[in-house]
Protein backbone atom coordinates (compact mmCIF):
# COMPACT_ATOMS: atom_id res chain seq x y z
CA MET A 1 0.02 -0.14 0.00
CA SER A 2 1.45 3.35 -0.95
CA GLY A 3 -0.68 5.42 1.62
CA THR A 4 0.72 5.98 4.93
CA GLU A 5 -0.85 4.22 7.93
CA ALA A 6 -0.89 6.36 11.12
CA GLY A 7 1.72 5.47 13.44
CA TYR A 8 1.72 6.79 16.94
CA GLY A 9 5.53 7.72 16.82
CA GLN A 10 5.46 9.56 13.59
CA ARG A 11 5.10 13.26 12.90
CA MET A 12 3.09 13.75 9.69
CA ILE A 13 4.33 16.38 7.22
CA GLY A 14 3.36 16.09 3.42
CA PRO A 15 0.18 14.28 2.78
CA ARG A 16 -2.75 16.73 2.21
CA VAL A 17 -5.49 14.15 2.29
CA MET A 18 -6.36 11.99 5.49
CA LEU A 19 -8.91 9.08 5.11
CA VAL A 20 -10.47 7.89 8.28
CA ASP A 21 -12.21 4.69 7.84
CA ASP A 22 -12.42 1.44 9.98
CA GLU A 23 -12.34 -0.91 6.97
CA GLU A 24 -8.84 -1.67 5.75
CA CYS A 25 -10.01 -2.75 2.26
CA ILE A 26 -11.46 0.69 1.82
CA ARG A 27 -8.40 2.54 3.17
CA GLU A 28 -6.19 0.58 0.72
CA THR A 29 -8.58 1.08 -2.25
CA ILE A 30 -8.75 4.84 -1.66
CA SER A 31 -5.03 5.13 -1.07
CA GLU A 32 -4.11 3.37 -4.37
CA LEU A 33 -6.78 5.42 -6.19
CA LEU A 34 -5.44 8.75 -4.82
CA ASP A 35 -1.83 7.77 -5.17
CA SER A 36 -2.31 6.80 -8.70
CA GLU A 37 -3.49 10.42 -9.28
CA GLY A 38 -0.40 11.78 -7.53
CA ILE A 39 -2.42 12.80 -4.39
CA ASP A 40 -0.48 12.08 -1.12
CA ILE A 41 -2.88 10.37 1.41
CA VAL A 42 -2.36 9.13 5.02
CA THR A 43 -5.04 6.93 6.49
CA ALA A 44 -6.33 6.41 10.06
CA ALA A 45 -8.56 3.42 11.10
CA CYS A 46 -10.37 5.18 13.96
CA ALA A 47 -10.95 8.39 15.80
CA ASP A 48 -7.85 8.09 18.08
CA GLU A 49 -5.59 7.74 15.06
CA CYS A 50 -7.27 10.86 13.40
CA LEU A 51 -6.89 13.06 16.33
CA HIS A 52 -3.17 11.90 16.75
CA LEU A 53 -2.43 12.87 13.21
CA LEU A 54 -3.96 16.22 13.54
CA ARG A 55 -2.26 17.00 16.95
CA ASN A 56 0.95 16.09 15.02
CA GLY A 57 0.32 18.57 12.39
CA PHE A 58 -1.68 17.27 9.67
CA LYS A 59 -3.47 19.90 7.67
CA GLY A 60 -5.60 19.19 4.66
CA VAL A 61 -8.77 17.43 3.46
CA ILE A 62 -10.17 14.81 5.93
CA LEU A 63 -12.37 12.04 4.32
CA MET A 64 -14.47 10.74 7.37
CA ASP A 65 -16.28 7.67 7.38
CA VAL A 66 -19.65 8.08 9.17
CA MET A 67 -20.19 4.58 10.59
CA MET A 68 -17.25 3.25 12.53
CA PRO A 69 -17.28 1.17 15.63
CA GLY A 70 -16.53 3.00 18.76
CA THR A 71 -16.42 6.65 17.98
CA ASP A 72 -18.37 7.39 14.84
CA GLY A 73 -17.51 9.91 12.32
CA TRP A 74 -19.77 12.59 13.91
CA SER A 75 -18.47 12.18 17.35
CA THR A 76 -15.00 12.30 15.95
CA ILE A 77 -15.61 15.80 14.27
CA ARG A 78 -17.06 17.04 17.51
CA GLU A 79 -13.91 15.77 19.16
CA ILE A 80 -11.88 17.52 16.48
CA GLU A 81 -13.86 20.80 17.20
CA LYS A 82 -13.47 20.48 20.92
CA ALA A 83 -9.72 19.95 20.65
CA GLY A 84 -9.40 23.08 18.37
CA LEU A 85 -8.06 21.22 15.46
CA LEU A 86 -10.37 22.33 12.74
CA GLN A 87 -8.16 25.23 11.56
CA GLY A 88 -6.45 24.26 8.23
CA ASN A 89 -8.66 21.43 7.55
CA ILE A 90 -11.82 20.73 5.66
CA ILE A 91 -13.94 17.69 6.17
CA SER A 92 -16.06 15.55 3.70
CA MET A 93 -18.01 12.57 5.02
CA LEU A 94 -18.01 9.25 3.39
CA THR A 95 -20.91 6.86 4.00
CA ALA A 96 -22.99 3.90 2.57
CA LEU A 97 -26.11 5.65 3.61
CA ASP A 98 -28.30 6.84 0.81
CA VAL A 99 -29.41 9.96 2.38
CA PRO A 100 -27.46 12.67 4.43
CA ASP A 101 -27.51 11.72 8.02
CA GLU A 102 -29.56 14.03 10.21
CA ARG A 103 -26.54 14.22 12.64
CA MET A 104 -25.03 16.51 9.95
CA GLU A 105 -27.45 19.16 11.22
CA GLY A 106 -25.41 21.78 13.14
CA LEU A 107 -22.21 20.67 11.42
CA GLN A 108 -22.71 22.50 7.89
CA GLU A 109 -19.99 24.96 8.97
CA VAL A 110 -17.60 22.12 9.35
CA VAL A 111 -18.52 19.44 6.78
CA ILE A 112 -18.35 20.63 3.21
CA ASP A 113 -19.55 17.52 1.36
CA TYR A 114 -21.27 14.08 1.84
CA ILE A 115 -19.91 11.33 -0.55
CA THR A 116 -21.82 8.01 -0.72
CA LYS A 117 -20.02 4.62 -1.20
CA PRO A 118 -19.84 3.07 -3.51
CA PHE A 119 -18.73 5.89 -5.77
CA GLU A 120 -17.56 6.27 -9.23
CA PRO A 121 -13.64 6.57 -9.04
CA SER A 122 -13.48 9.51 -11.54
CA GLY A 123 -16.02 11.56 -9.68
CA PHE A 124 -14.30 10.69 -6.28
CA ILE A 125 -10.91 12.07 -7.65
CA GLU A 126 -12.69 15.07 -9.03
CA ASN A 127 -14.31 15.83 -5.68
CA VAL A 128 -10.94 15.40 -3.84
CA ARG A 129 -9.33 17.76 -6.31
CA LYS A 130 -12.05 20.28 -5.68
CA TYR A 131 -11.63 19.96 -1.90
CA LEU A 132 -7.79 20.60 -2.47
CA ALA A 133 -8.46 23.70 -4.47
CA LEU A 134 -10.77 24.94 -1.97
CA LEU A 135 -8.16 24.36 0.84
CA ASP A 136 -5.58 26.19 -1.21
CA GLN A 137 -7.94 29.08 -1.76
CA LEU A 138 -8.78 29.27 1.92
CA LYS A 139 -5.02 29.31 2.71
CA SER A 140 -4.45 32.07 0.32
CA GLU A 141 -7.27 34.18 1.90
CA ASN A 142 -5.63 33.91 5.47
């Protein structure tokens, strides 16, 4: 796998996309897809790994799975907010649900999009590129 798995001893500098998903096959598939497009990605299997990467300097696009065991995606976002780790990051939710989750209410300022799985690879890559462009635009405005 060419994406980087979160390691508790490493400091992250470089990747601009973080995928948070409990399913290893999803992490591997999306990592390979984005890597083949020249997009650096780091992966996290749970909320704790995501928060660790953010505390160690990750800034970029966070692709957050909604349904994860333990701390789900919505609770993870609330923890990110509470810890003051939103600055320099934008979040898009990934889910197998057909319709947007009602728990998104109140998080519209934080979550910019909602991607349903399965997705068309070309559309997914296009979305990630849009998120990265938005991130660059936001950085240049600050």
